[in-house]
Amino acid sequence: MGQDYLATKMANTLVTMLILSGPPLAAAVVLGVVVGFLQAVTQIQDQTLPQAVKLVVVVVLVITLGPAFSALLLAETSTILDEFPFVVP
């Protein structure tokens, strides 16, 4: 178990993290642009409106995608913990 193995495991973990954080982040960005455009069109100057809307959408998205996210995270964690004794000299 060399440095190549550890680098591969770290890369796989980072990819898993990106997969898990991608949908909520993308939803927040798209919603922020849409709400910002609507605020510009209607000339609403309230700064809490986009934050509240983004918060609600991200929470709903995390709740709905939670089982899929947790299965992916559990698989990655299980793999790391199962292979840990072989990594440590």
PDB file of N, CA and C in Angstrom:
ATOM      1  N   MET A   1       0.844  -1.175   0.000  1.00  0.00           N
ATOM      2  CA  MET A   1       0.000   0.000   0.000  1.00  0.00           C
ATOM      3  C   MET A   1       0.889   1.238   0.000  1.00  0.00           C
ATOM      4  N   GLY A   2       1.032   1.806  -1.160  1.00  0.00           N
ATOM      5  CA  GLY A   2       1.919   2.942  -1.281  1.00  0.00           C
ATOM      6  C   GLY A   2       1.177   4.246  -1.419  1.00  0.00           C
ATOM      7  N   GLN A   3       1.928   5.205  -1.866  1.00  0.00           N
ATOM      8  CA  GLN A   3       1.364   6.540  -2.041  1.00  0.00           C
ATOM      9  C   GLN A   3       0.357   6.575  -3.181  1.00  0.00           C
ATOM     10  N   ASP A   4       0.536   5.707  -4.174  1.00  0.00           N
ATOM     11  CA  ASP A   4      -0.419   5.671  -5.280  1.00  0.00           C
ATOM     12  C   ASP A   4      -1.804   5.257  -4.796  1.00  0.00           C
ATOM     13  N   TYR A   5      -1.828   4.289  -3.905  1.00  0.00           N
ATOM     14  CA  TYR A   5      -3.099   3.828  -3.361  1.00  0.00           C
ATOM     15  C   TYR A   5      -3.786   4.938  -2.570  1.00  0.00           C
ATOM     16  N   LEU A   6      -3.023   5.621  -1.733  1.00  0.00           N
ATOM     17  CA  LEU A   6      -3.597   6.711  -0.938  1.00  0.00           C
ATOM     18  C   LEU A   6      -4.070   7.855  -1.825  1.00  0.00           C
ATOM     19  N   ALA A   7      -3.307   8.154  -2.865  1.00  0.00           N
ATOM     20  CA  ALA A   7      -3.714   9.221  -3.783  1.00  0.00           C
ATOM     21  C   ALA A   7      -5.005   8.840  -4.503  1.00  0.00           C
ATOM     22  N   THR A   8      -5.125   7.580  -4.888  1.00  0.00           N
ATOM     23  CA  THR A   8      -6.347   7.117  -5.548  1.00  0.00           C
ATOM     24  C   THR A   8      -7.536   7.187  -4.600  1.00  0.00           C
ATOM     25  N   LYS A   9      -7.339   6.771  -3.357  1.00  0.00           N
ATOM     26  CA  LYS A   9      -8.425   6.828  -2.374  1.00  0.00           C
ATOM     27  C   LYS A   9      -8.851   8.271  -2.101  1.00  0.00           C
ATOM     28  N   MET A  10      -7.879   9.169  -1.988  1.00  0.00           N
ATOM     29  CA  MET A  10      -8.215  10.578  -1.754  1.00  0.00           C
ATOM     30  C   MET A  10      -8.949  11.160  -2.955  1.00  0.00           C
ATOM     31  N   ALA A  11      -8.541  10.784  -4.161  1.00  0.00           N
ATOM     32  CA  ALA A  11      -9.225  11.267  -5.362  1.00  0.00           C
ATOM     33  C   ALA A  11     -10.655  10.738  -5.413  1.00  0.00           C
ATOM     34  N   ASN A  12     -10.846   9.463  -5.073  1.00  0.00           N
ATOM     35  CA  ASN A  12     -12.199   8.901  -5.056  1.00  0.00           C
ATOM     36  C   ASN A  12     -13.074   9.590  -4.013  1.00  0.00           C
ATOM     37  N   THR A  13     -12.501   9.897  -2.873  1.00  0.00           N
ATOM     38  CA  THR A  13     -13.254  10.583  -1.825  1.00  0.00           C
ATOM     39  C   THR A  13     -13.626  12.001  -2.248  1.00  0.00           C
ATOM     40  N   LEU A  14     -12.714  12.687  -2.909  1.00  0.00           N
ATOM     41  CA  LEU A  14     -13.022  14.037  -3.395  1.00  0.00           C
ATOM     42  C   LEU A  14     -14.097  14.010  -4.475  1.00  0.00           C
ATOM     43  N   VAL A  15     -14.063  13.004  -5.347  1.00  0.00           N
ATOM     44  CA  VAL A  15     -15.106  12.873  -6.368  1.00  0.00           C
ATOM     45  C   VAL A  15     -16.454  12.612  -5.706  1.00  0.00           C
ATOM     46  N   THR A  16     -16.466  11.766  -4.691  1.00  0.00           N
ATOM     47  CA  THR A  16     -17.707  11.509  -3.957  1.00  0.00           C
ATOM     48  C   THR A  16     -18.227  12.787  -3.309  1.00  0.00           C
ATOM     49  N   MET A  17     -17.330  13.570  -2.738  1.00  0.00           N
ATOM     50  CA  MET A  17     -17.733  14.834  -2.124  1.00  0.00           C
ATOM     51  C   MET A  17     -18.324  15.785  -3.166  1.00  0.00           C
ATOM     52  N   LEU A  18     -17.713  15.836  -4.344  1.00  0.00           N
ATOM     53  CA  LEU A  18     -18.229  16.703  -5.399  1.00  0.00           C
ATOM     54  C   LEU A  18     -19.594  16.230  -5.887  1.00  0.00           C
ATOM     55  N   ILE A  19     -19.785  14.919  -5.971  1.00  0.00           N
ATOM     56  CA  ILE A  19     -21.081  14.381  -6.382  1.00  0.00           C
ATOM     57  C   ILE A  19     -22.150  14.733  -5.353  1.00  0.00           C
ATOM     58  N   LEU A  20     -21.800  14.656  -4.079  1.00  0.00           N
ATOM     59  CA  LEU A  20     -22.771  14.946  -3.030  1.00  0.00           C
ATOM     60  C   LEU A  20     -23.088  16.436  -2.916  1.00  0.00           C
ATOM     61  N   SER A  21     -22.101  17.282  -3.144  1.00  0.00           N
ATOM     62  CA  SER A  21     -22.339  18.718  -2.981  1.00  0.00           C
ATOM     63  C   SER A  21     -22.800  19.390  -4.268  1.00  0.00           C
ATOM     64  N   GLY A  22     -22.715  18.709  -5.379  1.00  0.00           N
ATOM     65  CA  GLY A  22     -23.060  19.306  -6.667  1.00  0.00           C
ATOM     66  C   GLY A  22     -24.514  19.733  -6.819  1.00  0.00           C
ATOM     67  N   PRO A  23     -25.479  18.825  -6.618  1.00  0.00           N
ATOM     68  CA  PRO A  23     -26.881  19.213  -6.829  1.00  0.00           C
ATOM     69  C   PRO A  23     -27.366  20.365  -5.948  1.00  0.00           C
ATOM     70  N   PRO A  24     -27.106  20.362  -4.621  1.00  0.00           N
ATOM     71  CA  PRO A  24     -27.556  21.521  -3.839  1.00  0.00           C
ATOM     72  C   PRO A  24     -26.867  22.821  -4.255  1.00  0.00           C
ATOM     73  N   LEU A  25     -25.591  22.736  -4.574  1.00  0.00           N
ATOM     74  CA  LEU A  25     -24.864  23.932  -4.989  1.00  0.00           C
ATOM     75  C   LEU A  25     -25.382  24.457  -6.322  1.00  0.00           C
ATOM     76  N   ALA A  26     -25.624  23.562  -7.267  1.00  0.00           N
ATOM     77  CA  ALA A  26     -26.148  23.974  -8.571  1.00  0.00           C
ATOM     78  C   ALA A  26     -27.541  24.581  -8.435  1.00  0.00           C
ATOM     79  N   ALA A  27     -28.376  23.977  -7.597  1.00  0.00           N
ATOM     80  CA  ALA A  27     -29.720  24.522  -7.386  1.00  0.00           C
ATOM     81  C   ALA A  27     -29.655  25.909  -6.766  1.00  0.00           C
ATOM     82  N   ALA A  28     -28.757  26.113  -5.811  1.00  0.00           N
ATOM     83  CA  ALA A  28     -28.624  27.425  -5.173  1.00  0.00           C
ATOM     84  C   ALA A  28     -28.125  28.471  -6.163  1.00  0.00           C
ATOM     85  N   VAL A  29     -27.197  28.090  -7.026  1.00  0.00           N
ATOM     86  CA  VAL A  29     -26.667  29.048  -8.007  1.00  0.00           C
ATOM     87  C   VAL A  29     -27.739  29.428  -9.019  1.00  0.00           C
ATOM     88  N   VAL A  30     -28.430  28.427  -9.565  1.00  0.00           N
ATOM     89  CA  VAL A  30     -29.470  28.709 -10.564  1.00  0.00           C
ATOM     90  C   VAL A  30     -30.584  29.536  -9.942  1.00  0.00           C
ATOM     91  N   LEU A  31     -31.002  29.161  -8.750  1.00  0.00           N
ATOM     92  CA  LEU A  31     -32.069  29.908  -8.092  1.00  0.00           C
ATOM     93  C   LEU A  31     -31.625  31.324  -7.746  1.00  0.00           C
ATOM     94  N   GLY A  32     -30.372  31.492  -7.357  1.00  0.00           N
ATOM     95  CA  GLY A  32     -29.861  32.831  -7.069  1.00  0.00           C
ATOM     96  C   GLY A  32     -29.880  33.726  -8.291  1.00  0.00           C
ATOM     97  N   VAL A  33     -29.530  33.170  -9.448  1.00  0.00           N
ATOM     98  CA  VAL A  33     -29.564  33.957 -10.685  1.00  0.00           C
ATOM     99  C   VAL A  33     -30.997  34.320 -11.046  1.00  0.00           C
ATOM    100  N   VAL A  34     -31.909  33.359 -10.932  1.00  0.00           N
ATOM    101  CA  VAL A  34     -33.312  33.624 -11.280  1.00  0.00           C
ATOM    102  C   VAL A  34     -33.915  34.661 -10.339  1.00  0.00           C
ATOM    103  N   VAL A  35     -33.700  34.502  -9.041  1.00  0.00           N
ATOM    104  CA  VAL A  35     -34.251  35.458  -8.076  1.00  0.00           C
ATOM    105  C   VAL A  35     -33.601  36.825  -8.253  1.00  0.00           C
ATOM    106  N   GLY A  36     -32.304  36.851  -8.526  1.00  0.00           N
ATOM    107  CA  GLY A  36     -31.629  38.126  -8.779  1.00  0.00           C
ATOM    108  C   GLY A  36     -32.186  38.832 -10.002  1.00  0.00           C
ATOM    109  N   PHE A  37     -32.472  38.057 -11.049  1.00  0.00           N
ATOM    110  CA  PHE A  37     -33.070  38.648 -12.248  1.00  0.00           C
ATOM    111  C   PHE A  37     -34.466  39.187 -11.948  1.00  0.00           C
ATOM    112  N   LEU A  38     -35.260  38.411 -11.217  1.00  0.00           N
ATOM    113  CA  LEU A  38     -36.601  38.879 -10.866  1.00  0.00           C
ATOM    114  C   LEU A  38     -36.549  40.112  -9.965  1.00  0.00           C
ATOM    115  N   GLN A  39     -35.570  40.173  -9.074  1.00  0.00           N
ATOM    116  CA  GLN A  39     -35.424  41.359  -8.232  1.00  0.00           C
ATOM    117  C   GLN A  39     -35.022  42.568  -9.067  1.00  0.00           C
ATOM    118  N   ALA A  40     -34.186  42.357 -10.061  1.00  0.00           N
ATOM    119  CA  ALA A  40     -33.773  43.474 -10.908  1.00  0.00           C
ATOM    120  C   ALA A  40     -34.935  43.973 -11.752  1.00  0.00           C
ATOM    121  N   VAL A  41     -35.752  43.043 -12.230  1.00  0.00           N
ATOM    122  CA  VAL A  41     -36.890  43.433 -13.066  1.00  0.00           C
ATOM    123  C   VAL A  41     -37.937  44.169 -12.242  1.00  0.00           C
ATOM    124  N   THR A  42     -38.215  43.672 -11.038  1.00  0.00           N
ATOM    125  CA  THR A  42     -39.257  44.286 -10.212  1.00  0.00           C
ATOM    126  C   THR A  42     -38.719  45.361  -9.281  1.00  0.00           C
ATOM    127  N   GLN A  43     -37.411  45.580  -9.274  1.00  0.00           N
ATOM    128  CA  GLN A  43     -36.741  46.585  -8.457  1.00  0.00           C
ATOM    129  C   GLN A  43     -36.973  46.384  -6.958  1.00  0.00           C
ATOM    130  N   ILE A  44     -36.991  45.125  -6.541  1.00  0.00           N
ATOM    131  CA  ILE A  44     -37.077  44.807  -5.113  1.00  0.00           C
ATOM    132  C   ILE A  44     -35.661  44.822  -4.558  1.00  0.00           C
ATOM    133  N   GLN A  45     -35.432  45.535  -3.463  1.00  0.00           N
ATOM    134  CA  GLN A  45     -34.091  45.685  -2.911  1.00  0.00           C
ATOM    135  C   GLN A  45     -33.856  44.841  -1.660  1.00  0.00           C
ATOM    136  N   ASP A  46     -34.773  43.945  -1.342  1.00  0.00           N
ATOM    137  CA  ASP A  46     -34.645  43.132  -0.131  1.00  0.00           C
ATOM    138  C   ASP A  46     -33.547  42.090  -0.315  1.00  0.00           C
ATOM    139  N   GLN A  47     -32.589  42.034   0.614  1.00  0.00           N
ATOM    140  CA  GLN A  47     -31.476  41.094   0.505  1.00  0.00           C
ATOM    141  C   GLN A  47     -31.774  39.747   1.158  1.00  0.00           C
ATOM    142  N   THR A  48     -32.802  39.687   2.002  1.00  0.00           N
ATOM    143  CA  THR A  48     -33.104  38.421   2.666  1.00  0.00           C
ATOM    144  C   THR A  48     -33.934  37.495   1.787  1.00  0.00           C
ATOM    145  N   LEU A  49     -34.589  38.033   0.781  1.00  0.00           N
ATOM    146  CA  LEU A  49     -35.430  37.212  -0.088  1.00  0.00           C
ATOM    147  C   LEU A  49     -34.642  36.117  -0.798  1.00  0.00           C
ATOM    148  N   PRO A  50     -33.542  36.431  -1.488  1.00  0.00           N
ATOM    149  CA  PRO A  50     -32.829  35.336  -2.167  1.00  0.00           C
ATOM    150  C   PRO A  50     -32.226  34.326  -1.196  1.00  0.00           C
ATOM    151  N   GLN A  51     -31.784  34.785  -0.033  1.00  0.00           N
ATOM    152  CA  GLN A  51     -31.196  33.858   0.930  1.00  0.00           C
ATOM    153  C   GLN A  51     -32.244  32.890   1.474  1.00  0.00           C
ATOM    154  N   ALA A  52     -33.421  33.403   1.781  1.00  0.00           N
ATOM    155  CA  ALA A  52     -34.480  32.546   2.317  1.00  0.00           C
ATOM    156  C   ALA A  52     -34.942  31.534   1.277  1.00  0.00           C
ATOM    157  N   VAL A  53     -35.088  31.979   0.040  1.00  0.00           N
ATOM    158  CA  VAL A  53     -35.530  31.075  -1.023  1.00  0.00           C
ATOM    159  C   VAL A  53     -34.477  29.999  -1.279  1.00  0.00           C
ATOM    160  N   LYS A  54     -33.210  30.393  -1.339  1.00  0.00           N
ATOM    161  CA  LYS A  54     -32.138  29.420  -1.551  1.00  0.00           C
ATOM    162  C   LYS A  54     -32.073  28.422  -0.401  1.00  0.00           C
ATOM    163  N   LEU A  55     -32.226  28.898   0.813  1.00  0.00           N
ATOM    164  CA  LEU A  55     -32.180  28.017   1.978  1.00  0.00           C
ATOM    165  C   LEU A  55     -33.292  26.976   1.918  1.00  0.00           C
ATOM    166  N   VAL A  56     -34.494  27.410   1.589  1.00  0.00           N
ATOM    167  CA  VAL A  56     -35.626  26.481   1.513  1.00  0.00           C
ATOM    168  C   VAL A  56     -35.402  25.447   0.412  1.00  0.00           C
ATOM    169  N   VAL A  57     -34.956  25.891  -0.751  1.00  0.00           N
ATOM    170  CA  VAL A  57     -34.753  24.965  -1.868  1.00  0.00           C
ATOM    171  C   VAL A  57     -33.639  23.967  -1.564  1.00  0.00           C
ATOM    172  N   VAL A  58     -32.549  24.422  -0.978  1.00  0.00           N
ATOM    173  CA  VAL A  58     -31.448  23.511  -0.656  1.00  0.00           C
ATOM    174  C   VAL A  58     -31.876  22.508   0.411  1.00  0.00           C
ATOM    175  N   VAL A  59     -32.617  22.937   1.408  1.00  0.00           N
ATOM    176  CA  VAL A  59     -33.088  22.011   2.446  1.00  0.00           C
ATOM    177  C   VAL A  59     -34.028  20.967   1.847  1.00  0.00           C
ATOM    178  N   VAL A  60     -34.953  21.394   0.991  1.00  0.00           N
ATOM    179  CA  VAL A  60     -35.870  20.446   0.348  1.00  0.00           C
ATOM    180  C   VAL A  60     -35.101  19.475  -0.541  1.00  0.00           C
ATOM    181  N   LEU A  61     -34.122  19.967  -1.262  1.00  0.00           N
ATOM    182  CA  LEU A  61     -33.319  19.108  -2.131  1.00  0.00           C
ATOM    183  C   LEU A  61     -32.514  18.096  -1.329  1.00  0.00           C
ATOM    184  N   VAL A  62     -31.931  18.522  -0.228  1.00  0.00           N
ATOM    185  CA  VAL A  62     -31.159  17.597   0.610  1.00  0.00           C
ATOM    186  C   VAL A  62     -32.078  16.554   1.242  1.00  0.00           C
ATOM    187  N   ILE A  63     -33.279  16.946   1.628  1.00  0.00           N
ATOM    188  CA  ILE A  63     -34.219  15.985   2.205  1.00  0.00           C
ATOM    189  C   ILE A  63     -34.665  14.970   1.161  1.00  0.00           C
ATOM    190  N   THR A  64     -34.950  15.421  -0.055  1.00  0.00           N
ATOM    191  CA  THR A  64     -35.419  14.493  -1.083  1.00  0.00           C
ATOM    192  C   THR A  64     -34.304  13.593  -1.605  1.00  0.00           C
ATOM    193  N   LEU A  65     -33.092  14.117  -1.706  1.00  0.00           N
ATOM    194  CA  LEU A  65     -31.977  13.311  -2.200  1.00  0.00           C
ATOM    195  C   LEU A  65     -31.184  12.656  -1.074  1.00  0.00           C
ATOM    196  N   GLY A  66     -31.626  12.816   0.149  1.00  0.00           N
ATOM    197  CA  GLY A  66     -30.918  12.280   1.302  1.00  0.00           C
ATOM    198  C   GLY A  66     -30.649  10.788   1.256  1.00  0.00           C
ATOM    199  N   PRO A  67     -31.641   9.960   0.923  1.00  0.00           N
ATOM    200  CA  PRO A  67     -31.364   8.518   0.869  1.00  0.00           C
ATOM    201  C   PRO A  67     -30.289   8.146  -0.157  1.00  0.00           C
ATOM    202  N   ALA A  68     -30.314   8.762  -1.313  1.00  0.00           N
ATOM    203  CA  ALA A  68     -29.289   8.472  -2.323  1.00  0.00           C
ATOM    204  C   ALA A  68     -27.927   8.979  -1.862  1.00  0.00           C
ATOM    205  N   PHE A  69     -27.913  10.173  -1.277  1.00  0.00           N
ATOM    206  CA  PHE A  69     -26.655  10.730  -0.770  1.00  0.00           C
ATOM    207  C   PHE A  69     -26.083   9.864   0.348  1.00  0.00           C
ATOM    208  N   SER A  70     -26.947   9.431   1.250  1.00  0.00           N
ATOM    209  CA  SER A  70     -26.448   8.648   2.378  1.00  0.00           C
ATOM    210  C   SER A  70     -25.957   7.277   1.929  1.00  0.00           C
ATOM    211  N   ALA A  71     -26.584   6.689   0.918  1.00  0.00           N
ATOM    212  CA  ALA A  71     -26.114   5.395   0.413  1.00  0.00           C
ATOM    213  C   ALA A  71     -24.729   5.531  -0.205  1.00  0.00           C
ATOM    214  N   LEU A  72     -24.524   6.591  -0.974  1.00  0.00           N
ATOM    215  CA  LEU A  72     -23.221   6.821  -1.589  1.00  0.00           C
ATOM    216  C   LEU A  72     -22.159   7.110  -0.532  1.00  0.00           C
ATOM    217  N   LEU A  73     -22.506   7.933   0.441  1.00  0.00           N
ATOM    218  CA  LEU A  73     -21.564   8.265   1.510  1.00  0.00           C
ATOM    219  C   LEU A  73     -21.259   7.048   2.389  1.00  0.00           C
ATOM    220  N   LEU A  74     -22.267   6.243   2.649  1.00  0.00           N
ATOM    221  CA  LEU A  74     -22.062   5.036   3.449  1.00  0.00           C
ATOM    222  C   LEU A  74     -21.165   4.035   2.723  1.00  0.00           C
ATOM    223  N   ALA A  75     -21.341   3.896   1.413  1.00  0.00           N
ATOM    224  CA  ALA A  75     -20.493   2.987   0.639  1.00  0.00           C
ATOM    225  C   ALA A  75     -19.040   3.450   0.659  1.00  0.00           C
ATOM    226  N   GLU A  76     -18.824   4.746   0.490  1.00  0.00           N
ATOM    227  CA  GLU A  76     -17.455   5.277   0.506  1.00  0.00           C
ATOM    228  C   GLU A  76     -16.824   5.118   1.891  1.00  0.00           C
ATOM    229  N   THR A  77     -17.586   5.410   2.929  1.00  0.00           N
ATOM    230  CA  THR A  77     -17.074   5.274   4.292  1.00  0.00           C
ATOM    231  C   THR A  77     -16.773   3.817   4.621  1.00  0.00           C
ATOM    232  N   SER A  78     -17.648   2.931   4.215  1.00  0.00           N
ATOM    233  CA  SER A  78     -17.434   1.506   4.455  1.00  0.00           C
ATOM    234  C   SER A  78     -16.175   1.011   3.759  1.00  0.00           C
ATOM    235  N   THR A  79     -15.957   1.456   2.535  1.00  0.00           N
ATOM    236  CA  THR A  79     -14.753   1.062   1.805  1.00  0.00           C
ATOM    237  C   THR A  79     -13.500   1.569   2.510  1.00  0.00           C
ATOM    238  N   ILE A  80     -13.526   2.806   2.938  1.00  0.00           N
ATOM    239  CA  ILE A  80     -12.355   3.382   3.611  1.00  0.00           C
ATOM    240  C   ILE A  80     -12.066   2.650   4.920  1.00  0.00           C
ATOM    241  N   LEU A  81     -13.107   2.400   5.707  1.00  0.00           N
ATOM    242  CA  LEU A  81     -12.894   1.743   6.998  1.00  0.00           C
ATOM    243  C   LEU A  81     -12.516   0.272   6.845  1.00  0.00           C
ATOM    244  N   ASP A  82     -13.034  -0.397   5.813  1.00  0.00           N
ATOM    245  CA  ASP A  82     -12.664  -1.795   5.582  1.00  0.00           C
ATOM    246  C   ASP A  82     -11.210  -1.932   5.150  1.00  0.00           C
ATOM    247  N   GLU A  83     -10.722  -0.973   4.379  1.00  0.00           N
ATOM    248  CA  GLU A  83      -9.358  -1.053   3.865  1.00  0.00           C
ATOM    249  C   GLU A  83      -8.337  -0.364   4.768  1.00  0.00           C
ATOM    250  N   PHE A  84      -8.782   0.242   5.845  1.00  0.00           N
ATOM    251  CA  PHE A  84      -7.874   0.973   6.728  1.00  0.00           C
ATOM    252  C   PHE A  84      -6.779   0.100   7.341  1.00  0.00           C
ATOM    253  N   PRO A  85      -7.087  -1.114   7.810  1.00  0.00           N
ATOM    254  CA  PRO A  85      -6.000  -1.925   8.400  1.00  0.00           C
ATOM    255  C   PRO A  85      -4.886  -2.269   7.407  1.00  0.00           C
ATOM    256  N   PHE A  86      -5.204  -2.308   6.124  1.00  0.00           N
ATOM    257  CA  PHE A  86      -4.189  -2.628   5.128  1.00  0.00           C
ATOM    258  C   PHE A  86      -3.330  -1.421   4.771  1.00  0.00           C
ATOM    259  N   VAL A  87      -3.822  -0.237   5.054  1.00  0.00           N
ATOM    260  CA  VAL A  87      -3.088   0.986   4.716  1.00  0.00           C
ATOM    261  C   VAL A  87      -2.073   1.322   5.799  1.00  0.00           C
ATOM    262  N   VAL A  88      -2.469   1.137   7.044  1.00  0.00           N
ATOM    263  CA  VAL A  88      -1.601   1.483   8.170  1.00  0.00           C
ATOM    264  C   VAL A  88      -0.525   0.411   8.319  1.00  0.00           C
ATOM    265  N   PRO A  89       0.746   0.817   8.348  1.00  0.00           N
ATOM    266  CA  PRO A  89       1.822  -0.188   8.468  1.00  0.00           C
ATOM    267  C   PRO A  89       1.907  -0.784   9.858  1.00  0.00           C
TER     268      PRO A  89
END
